């Protein structure tokens, strides 16, 4: 297929050899399957702010560090430079979160590189080598639902142990790989210690997972762990 313009710099730098096909287009980015040597990977091309349906709500930005006071002032004023800096901060947040979580053993796609608004990362595949489906595209047996729910809750706990809350976790941003769920889409991840909305976001993430898996195992709909997680996090901080 024709190489998307935003991926051309990665080909010029030798990070990508070929774009195979589009994988999906979401509210914040378009994702392509690319070949890097003998491996297939994903190239996530972030959309410009005016083309995204997911807005950088203030509650997600709270507590995020910026490089310097000039950047902070420009972002607050909403100047052209400030908007550019806000875009870079938004994209860099996912890159930083992926490296941080992968190093902590959280099941996320392994990140490889980030260049000019394009994130190069692991292609999560199913047992047949095809791109793994999202949870919302699969039907589960009750035992599977219980097993995967327990696994995702453990991943949320691991994330919290690194000081992060996903903030937008649902069946639409969890892939089902051959070894179980893989959490994706993290540009809105928030700092648990520096964001006053972190607990409510954690509660929502946990509730979303209980609601989804509860379709297949109804007793899970009443499951809530957020308060216990937060109490342990605060005790350990």
C-alpha atoms as a PDB file:
ATOM      1  CA  UNK A   1       0.000   0.000   0.000  1.00  0.00           C
ATOM      2  CA  UNK A   2       1.009   3.643  -0.347  1.00  0.00           C
ATOM      3  CA  UNK A   3       3.089   4.809   2.598  1.00  0.00           C
ATOM      4  CA  UNK A   4       1.253   7.334   4.793  1.00  0.00           C
ATOM      5  CA  UNK A   5       3.158  10.622   4.828  1.00  0.00           C
ATOM      6  CA  UNK A   6       3.650  10.566   8.602  1.00  0.00           C
ATOM      7  CA  UNK A   7       5.418   7.168   8.417  1.00  0.00           C
ATOM      8  CA  UNK A   8       7.860   8.223   5.690  1.00  0.00           C
ATOM      9  CA  UNK A   9      10.456   9.572   8.204  1.00  0.00           C
ATOM     10  CA  UNK A  10      10.562   6.147   9.914  1.00  0.00           C
ATOM     11  CA  UNK A  11      11.284   4.473   6.570  1.00  0.00           C
ATOM     12  CA  UNK A  12      13.962   7.062   5.773  1.00  0.00           C
ATOM     13  CA  UNK A  13      15.588   6.394   9.164  1.00  0.00           C
ATOM     14  CA  UNK A  14      15.478   2.624   8.648  1.00  0.00           C
ATOM     15  CA  UNK A  15      13.056   1.983  11.508  1.00  0.00           C
ATOM     16  CA  UNK A  16      10.351   0.656   9.167  1.00  0.00           C
ATOM     17  CA  UNK A  17      10.834  -1.258   5.910  1.00  0.00           C
ATOM     18  CA  UNK A  18       7.274  -1.396   4.604  1.00  0.00           C
ATOM     19  CA  UNK A  19       3.695  -0.493   5.476  1.00  0.00           C
ATOM     20  CA  UNK A  20       1.565  -3.618   5.099  1.00  0.00           C
ATOM     21  CA  UNK A  21      -1.989  -2.426   5.771  1.00  0.00           C
ATOM     22  CA  UNK A  22      -4.173  -0.234   7.958  1.00  0.00           C
ATOM     23  CA  UNK A  23      -5.170  -1.912  11.214  1.00  0.00           C
ATOM     24  CA  UNK A  24      -7.646   0.514  12.752  1.00  0.00           C
ATOM     25  CA  UNK A  25      -8.523   4.170  13.064  1.00  0.00           C
ATOM     26  CA  UNK A  26      -9.661   5.408  16.458  1.00  0.00           C
ATOM     27  CA  UNK A  27     -10.569   8.625  18.217  1.00  0.00           C
ATOM     28  CA  UNK A  28      -6.966   9.698  18.666  1.00  0.00           C
ATOM     29  CA  UNK A  29      -4.839   7.810  16.132  1.00  0.00           C
ATOM     30  CA  UNK A  30      -4.629   5.616  13.060  1.00  0.00           C
ATOM     31  CA  UNK A  31      -2.712   2.352  13.439  1.00  0.00           C
ATOM     32  CA  UNK A  32      -0.902   0.498  10.652  1.00  0.00           C
ATOM     33  CA  UNK A  33       0.752  -2.914  10.434  1.00  0.00           C
ATOM     34  CA  UNK A  34       4.346  -2.397   9.314  1.00  0.00           C
ATOM     35  CA  UNK A  35       7.290  -4.654   8.574  1.00  0.00           C
ATOM     36  CA  UNK A  36      10.528  -4.049  10.436  1.00  0.00           C
ATOM     37  CA  UNK A  37      13.085  -6.535   9.138  1.00  0.00           C
ATOM     38  CA  UNK A  38      11.539  -9.951   9.720  1.00  0.00           C
ATOM     39  CA  UNK A  39       9.003  -8.705  12.280  1.00  0.00           C
ATOM     40  CA  UNK A  40       5.538  -7.254  11.954  1.00  0.00           C
ATOM     41  CA  UNK A  41       4.887  -4.304  14.267  1.00  0.00           C
ATOM     42  CA  UNK A  42       2.351  -1.507  14.737  1.00  0.00           C
ATOM     43  CA  UNK A  43       2.843   2.126  13.817  1.00  0.00           C
ATOM     44  CA  UNK A  44       0.445   4.357  15.741  1.00  0.00           C
ATOM     45  CA  UNK A  45       0.054   7.689  13.956  1.00  0.00           C
ATOM     46  CA  UNK A  46      -1.437  10.295  16.280  1.00  0.00           C
ATOM     47  CA  UNK A  47      -4.102  12.545  14.815  1.00  0.00           C
ATOM     48  CA  UNK A  48      -3.839  16.301  15.085  1.00  0.00           C
ATOM     49  CA  UNK A  49      -5.917  17.850  17.860  1.00  0.00           C
ATOM     50  CA  UNK A  50      -8.559  19.254  15.490  1.00  0.00           C
ATOM     51  CA  UNK A  51      -9.084  15.793  13.989  1.00  0.00           C
ATOM     52  CA  UNK A  52      -9.433  13.901  17.265  1.00  0.00           C
ATOM     53  CA  UNK A  53     -12.728  13.138  18.936  1.00  0.00           C
ATOM     54  CA  UNK A  54     -11.017  12.525  22.298  1.00  0.00           C
ATOM     55  CA  UNK A  55     -10.306  15.939  23.806  1.00  0.00           C
ATOM     56  CA  UNK A  56      -7.513  16.646  26.241  1.00  0.00           C
ATOM     57  CA  UNK A  57      -9.814  17.260  29.173  1.00  0.00           C
ATOM     58  CA  UNK A  58      -8.274  19.233  32.019  1.00  0.00           C
ATOM     59  CA  UNK A  59      -8.745  16.386  34.482  1.00  0.00           C
ATOM     60  CA  UNK A  60      -6.328  14.225  32.466  1.00  0.00           C
ATOM     61  CA  UNK A  61      -3.700  16.970  32.237  1.00  0.00           C
ATOM     62  CA  UNK A  62      -3.629  17.719  35.963  1.00  0.00           C
ATOM     63  CA  UNK A  63      -0.397  16.716  37.648  1.00  0.00           C
ATOM     64  CA  UNK A  64       1.562  16.124  34.449  1.00  0.00           C
ATOM     65  CA  UNK A  65       5.080  17.501  34.419  1.00  0.00           C
ATOM     66  CA  UNK A  66       6.220  19.911  31.723  1.00  0.00           C
ATOM     67  CA  UNK A  67       9.756  20.750  30.674  1.00  0.00           C
ATOM     68  CA  UNK A  68       9.830  24.319  31.959  1.00  0.00           C
ATOM     69  CA  UNK A  69       7.776  27.316  33.046  1.00  0.00           C
ATOM     70  CA  UNK A  70       7.723  28.779  29.509  1.00  0.00           C
ATOM     71  CA  UNK A  71       6.075  25.627  28.220  1.00  0.00           C
ATOM     72  CA  UNK A  72       3.565  25.666  31.077  1.00  0.00           C
ATOM     73  CA  UNK A  73       2.629  29.310  30.430  1.00  0.00           C
ATOM     74  CA  UNK A  74       2.246  28.758  26.690  1.00  0.00           C
ATOM     75  CA  UNK A  75       0.047  25.711  27.240  1.00  0.00           C
ATOM     76  CA  UNK A  76      -2.118  27.646  29.692  1.00  0.00           C
ATOM     77  CA  UNK A  77      -2.540  30.550  27.229  1.00  0.00           C
ATOM     78  CA  UNK A  78      -3.404  28.227  24.344  1.00  0.00           C
ATOM     79  CA  UNK A  79      -0.997  29.979  21.955  1.00  0.00           C
ATOM     80  CA  UNK A  80       0.155  28.272  18.746  1.00  0.00           C
ATOM     81  CA  UNK A  81       3.374  27.264  20.477  1.00  0.00           C
ATOM     82  CA  UNK A  82       1.395  26.174  23.530  1.00  0.00           C
ATOM     83  CA  UNK A  83      -0.928  23.992  21.466  1.00  0.00           C
ATOM     84  CA  UNK A  84       2.078  22.371  19.796  1.00  0.00           C
ATOM     85  CA  UNK A  85       3.669  21.717  23.193  1.00  0.00           C
ATOM     86  CA  UNK A  86       0.386  20.316  24.530  1.00  0.00           C
ATOM     87  CA  UNK A  87       0.208  17.940  21.558  1.00  0.00           C
ATOM     88  CA  UNK A  88       3.741  16.702  22.175  1.00  0.00           C
ATOM     89  CA  UNK A  89       3.056  16.278  25.883  1.00  0.00           C
ATOM     90  CA  UNK A  90      -0.103  14.284  25.124  1.00  0.00           C
ATOM     91  CA  UNK A  91       1.740  11.929  22.779  1.00  0.00           C
ATOM     92  CA  UNK A  92       4.805  11.625  24.996  1.00  0.00           C
ATOM     93  CA  UNK A  93       2.571  10.621  27.902  1.00  0.00           C
ATOM     94  CA  UNK A  94       1.629   7.361  26.191  1.00  0.00           C
ATOM     95  CA  UNK A  95       5.207   6.609  25.178  1.00  0.00           C
ATOM     96  CA  UNK A  96       6.454   7.182  28.726  1.00  0.00           C
ATOM     97  CA  UNK A  97       3.572   5.154  30.194  1.00  0.00           C
ATOM     98  CA  UNK A  98       4.214   2.195  27.885  1.00  0.00           C
ATOM     99  CA  UNK A  99       7.912   2.024  28.728  1.00  0.00           C
ATOM    100  CA  UNK A 100       7.171   2.434  32.435  1.00  0.00           C
ATOM    101  CA  UNK A 101       4.450  -0.228  32.487  1.00  0.00           C
ATOM    102  CA  UNK A 102       6.288  -2.712  30.268  1.00  0.00           C
ATOM    103  CA  UNK A 103       9.325  -2.477  32.557  1.00  0.00           C
ATOM    104  CA  UNK A 104       7.046  -3.145  35.539  1.00  0.00           C
ATOM    105  CA  UNK A 105       5.627  -6.299  33.950  1.00  0.00           C
ATOM    106  CA  UNK A 106       2.203  -4.895  33.038  1.00  0.00           C
ATOM    107  CA  UNK A 107       0.735  -6.584  29.942  1.00  0.00           C
ATOM    108  CA  UNK A 108       0.925  -3.752  27.397  1.00  0.00           C
ATOM    109  CA  UNK A 109       2.320  -3.689  23.834  1.00  0.00           C
ATOM    110  CA  UNK A 110       6.093  -3.415  23.950  1.00  0.00           C
ATOM    111  CA  UNK A 111       7.185   0.050  22.692  1.00  0.00           C
ATOM    112  CA  UNK A 112      10.180   0.287  20.355  1.00  0.00           C
ATOM    113  CA  UNK A 113      10.531   3.871  19.140  1.00  0.00           C
ATOM    114  CA  UNK A 114       8.784   7.222  18.813  1.00  0.00           C
ATOM    115  CA  UNK A 115       9.475   9.680  15.996  1.00  0.00           C
ATOM    116  CA  UNK A 116       7.560  12.700  14.691  1.00  0.00           C
ATOM    117  CA  UNK A 117       4.255  11.736  16.286  1.00  0.00           C
ATOM    118  CA  UNK A 118       4.458   8.045  15.311  1.00  0.00           C
ATOM    119  CA  UNK A 119       4.788   5.352  17.963  1.00  0.00           C
ATOM    120  CA  UNK A 120       6.356   2.079  16.843  1.00  0.00           C
ATOM    121  CA  UNK A 121       5.324  -0.840  19.045  1.00  0.00           C
ATOM    122  CA  UNK A 122       4.598  -4.553  19.263  1.00  0.00           C
ATOM    123  CA  UNK A 123       1.818  -6.008  17.135  1.00  0.00           C
ATOM    124  CA  UNK A 124      -0.341  -8.029  19.530  1.00  0.00           C
ATOM    125  CA  UNK A 125      -1.440 -11.142  17.638  1.00  0.00           C
ATOM    126  CA  UNK A 126      -3.921 -13.941  18.294  1.00  0.00           C
ATOM    127  CA  UNK A 127      -3.111 -17.660  18.300  1.00  0.00           C
ATOM    128  CA  UNK A 128      -3.245 -17.702  14.476  1.00  0.00           C
ATOM    129  CA  UNK A 129      -0.863 -14.790  13.979  1.00  0.00           C
ATOM    130  CA  UNK A 130      -3.586 -12.331  13.031  1.00  0.00           C
ATOM    131  CA  UNK A 131      -4.097  -9.027  14.845  1.00  0.00           C
ATOM    132  CA  UNK A 132      -5.641  -9.750  18.241  1.00  0.00           C
ATOM    133  CA  UNK A 133      -9.319  -8.762  18.662  1.00  0.00           C
ATOM    134  CA  UNK A 134     -10.573  -6.269  21.198  1.00  0.00           C
ATOM    135  CA  UNK A 135     -12.588  -7.619  24.114  1.00  0.00           C
ATOM    136  CA  UNK A 136     -15.761  -6.029  22.736  1.00  0.00           C
ATOM    137  CA  UNK A 137     -15.452  -8.251  19.651  1.00  0.00           C
ATOM    138  CA  UNK A 138     -15.364 -11.592  21.485  1.00  0.00           C
ATOM    139  CA  UNK A 139     -17.849 -13.793  23.306  1.00  0.00           C
ATOM    140  CA  UNK A 140     -16.611 -15.407  26.515  1.00  0.00           C
ATOM    141  CA  UNK A 141     -17.667 -18.377  28.555  1.00  0.00           C
ATOM    142  CA  UNK A 142     -18.326 -17.632  32.236  1.00  0.00           C
ATOM    143  CA  UNK A 143     -15.089 -19.287  33.388  1.00  0.00           C
ATOM    144  CA  UNK A 144     -13.070 -17.323  30.818  1.00  0.00           C
ATOM    145  CA  UNK A 145     -14.728 -14.095  31.927  1.00  0.00           C
ATOM    146  CA  UNK A 146     -13.818 -14.751  35.565  1.00  0.00           C
ATOM    147  CA  UNK A 147     -10.230 -15.633  34.649  1.00  0.00           C
ATOM    148  CA  UNK A 148      -9.733 -12.586  32.421  1.00  0.00           C
ATOM    149  CA  UNK A 149     -11.427 -10.273  34.900  1.00  0.00           C
ATOM    150  CA  UNK A 150      -9.070 -11.406  37.655  1.00  0.00           C
ATOM    151  CA  UNK A 151      -6.131 -10.914  35.318  1.00  0.00           C
ATOM    152  CA  UNK A 152      -7.149  -7.392  34.292  1.00  0.00           C
ATOM    153  CA  UNK A 153      -7.702  -6.416  37.942  1.00  0.00           C
ATOM    154  CA  UNK A 154      -4.162  -7.578  38.705  1.00  0.00           C
ATOM    155  CA  UNK A 155      -2.884  -5.459  35.816  1.00  0.00           C
ATOM    156  CA  UNK A 156      -4.728  -2.411  37.177  1.00  0.00           C
ATOM    157  CA  UNK A 157      -3.091  -3.039  40.563  1.00  0.00           C
ATOM    158  CA  UNK A 158       0.346  -3.314  38.907  1.00  0.00           C
ATOM    159  CA  UNK A 159      -0.319  -0.057  37.064  1.00  0.00           C
ATOM    160  CA  UNK A 160      -1.248   1.631  40.317  1.00  0.00           C
ATOM    161  CA  UNK A 161       1.958   0.299  41.893  1.00  0.00           C
ATOM    162  CA  UNK A 162       3.883   2.239  39.214  1.00  0.00           C
ATOM    163  CA  UNK A 163       1.867   5.344  40.099  1.00  0.00           C
ATOM    164  CA  UNK A 164      -0.406   5.328  37.037  1.00  0.00           C
ATOM    165  CA  UNK A 165      -4.151   5.018  36.422  1.00  0.00           C
ATOM    166  CA  UNK A 166      -5.311   4.198  32.883  1.00  0.00           C
ATOM    167  CA  UNK A 167      -8.219   6.628  33.055  1.00  0.00           C
ATOM    168  CA  UNK A 168     -10.162   5.319  30.043  1.00  0.00           C
ATOM    169  CA  UNK A 169     -10.145   1.549  30.496  1.00  0.00           C
ATOM    170  CA  UNK A 170     -12.950  -0.405  28.855  1.00  0.00           C
ATOM    171  CA  UNK A 171     -13.520  -3.425  26.609  1.00  0.00           C
ATOM    172  CA  UNK A 172     -12.604  -1.203  23.648  1.00  0.00           C
ATOM    173  CA  UNK A 173      -8.977  -0.765  24.700  1.00  0.00           C
ATOM    174  CA  UNK A 174      -8.110  -4.253  25.892  1.00  0.00           C
ATOM    175  CA  UNK A 175      -6.894  -6.752  23.294  1.00  0.00           C
ATOM    176  CA  UNK A 176      -7.218 -10.514  23.730  1.00  0.00           C
ATOM    177  CA  UNK A 177      -3.902 -12.157  22.878  1.00  0.00           C
ATOM    178  CA  UNK A 178      -3.070 -15.881  23.127  1.00  0.00           C
ATOM    179  CA  UNK A 179      -1.773 -15.351  26.692  1.00  0.00           C
ATOM    180  CA  UNK A 180      -4.733 -13.246  27.799  1.00  0.00           C
ATOM    181  CA  UNK A 181      -5.716  -9.562  27.875  1.00  0.00           C
ATOM    182  CA  UNK A 182      -3.337  -6.796  26.774  1.00  0.00           C
ATOM    183  CA  UNK A 183      -4.078  -3.196  27.809  1.00  0.00           C
ATOM    184  CA  UNK A 184      -3.708  -0.522  25.117  1.00  0.00           C
ATOM    185  CA  UNK A 185      -4.372   3.204  24.497  1.00  0.00           C
ATOM    186  CA  UNK A 186      -2.627   5.119  27.269  1.00  0.00           C
ATOM    187  CA  UNK A 187      -2.176   8.778  26.230  1.00  0.00           C
ATOM    188  CA  UNK A 188      -4.670   9.838  28.901  1.00  0.00           C
ATOM    189  CA  UNK A 189      -3.001   7.830  31.713  1.00  0.00           C
ATOM    190  CA  UNK A 190      -2.844   9.957  34.860  1.00  0.00           C
ATOM    191  CA  UNK A 191      -0.415  10.299  37.725  1.00  0.00           C
ATOM    192  CA  UNK A 192      -2.038   8.720  40.764  1.00  0.00           C
ATOM    193  CA  UNK A 193      -0.270  10.968  43.231  1.00  0.00           C
ATOM    194  CA  UNK A 194      -0.537  14.241  41.314  1.00  0.00           C
ATOM    195  CA  UNK A 195      -4.068  14.126  39.946  1.00  0.00           C
ATOM    196  CA  UNK A 196      -7.105  14.855  42.130  1.00  0.00           C
ATOM    197  CA  UNK A 197      -9.330  12.861  39.763  1.00  0.00           C
ATOM    198  CA  UNK A 198      -7.169   9.722  39.869  1.00  0.00           C
ATOM    199  CA  UNK A 199      -9.348   7.783  42.333  1.00  0.00           C
ATOM    200  CA  UNK A 200     -12.589   8.472  40.450  1.00  0.00           C
ATOM    201  CA  UNK A 201     -10.881   7.368  37.226  1.00  0.00           C
ATOM    202  CA  UNK A 202      -9.622   4.205  38.923  1.00  0.00           C
ATOM    203  CA  UNK A 203     -13.157   3.539  40.144  1.00  0.00           C
ATOM    204  CA  UNK A 204     -14.505   3.990  36.640  1.00  0.00           C
ATOM    205  CA  UNK A 205     -11.848   1.702  35.120  1.00  0.00           C
ATOM    206  CA  UNK A 206     -12.617  -1.050  37.644  1.00  0.00           C
ATOM    207  CA  UNK A 207     -16.376  -0.567  37.187  1.00  0.00           C
ATOM    208  CA  UNK A 208     -16.087  -0.748  33.395  1.00  0.00           C
ATOM    209  CA  UNK A 209     -14.275  -4.063  33.635  1.00  0.00           C
ATOM    210  CA  UNK A 210     -16.801  -5.467  36.116  1.00  0.00           C
ATOM    211  CA  UNK A 211     -19.634  -4.370  33.842  1.00  0.00           C
ATOM    212  CA  UNK A 212     -18.121  -5.910  30.723  1.00  0.00           C
ATOM    213  CA  UNK A 213     -17.089  -9.270  32.201  1.00  0.00           C
ATOM    214  CA  UNK A 214     -20.348  -9.331  34.175  1.00  0.00           C
ATOM    215  CA  UNK A 215     -22.208  -9.853  30.909  1.00  0.00           C
ATOM    216  CA  UNK A 216     -20.770 -13.374  30.864  1.00  0.00           C
ATOM    217  CA  UNK A 217     -20.456 -14.009  34.611  1.00  0.00           C
ATOM    218  CA  UNK A 218     -23.231 -11.932  36.275  1.00  0.00           C
ATOM    219  CA  UNK A 219     -21.752 -12.077  39.774  1.00  0.00           C
ATOM    220  CA  UNK A 220     -18.868  -9.899  38.563  1.00  0.00           C
ATOM    221  CA  UNK A 221     -21.168  -6.922  37.994  1.00  0.00           C
ATOM    222  CA  UNK A 222     -21.233  -6.307  41.729  1.00  0.00           C
ATOM    223  CA  UNK A 223     -17.450  -6.624  42.088  1.00  0.00           C
ATOM    224  CA  UNK A 224     -15.662  -3.458  43.190  1.00  0.00           C
ATOM    225  CA  UNK A 225     -12.012  -3.270  44.185  1.00  0.00           C
ATOM    226  CA  UNK A 226     -11.158   0.388  43.673  1.00  0.00           C
ATOM    227  CA  UNK A 227     -11.416   1.487  47.328  1.00  0.00           C
ATOM    228  CA  UNK A 228      -9.251  -1.400  48.510  1.00  0.00           C
ATOM    229  CA  UNK A 229      -6.684  -0.712  45.761  1.00  0.00           C
ATOM    230  CA  UNK A 230      -6.532   2.976  46.607  1.00  0.00           C
ATOM    231  CA  UNK A 231      -6.181   2.338  50.336  1.00  0.00           C
ATOM    232  CA  UNK A 232      -3.232   0.009  49.702  1.00  0.00           C
ATOM    233  CA  UNK A 233      -1.674   2.495  47.293  1.00  0.00           C
ATOM    234  CA  UNK A 234      -1.932   5.337  49.803  1.00  0.00           C
ATOM    235  CA  UNK A 235      -0.538   3.154  52.588  1.00  0.00           C
ATOM    236  CA  UNK A 236       2.460   2.276  50.434  1.00  0.00           C
ATOM    237  CA  UNK A 237       3.099   5.844  49.217  1.00  0.00           C
END
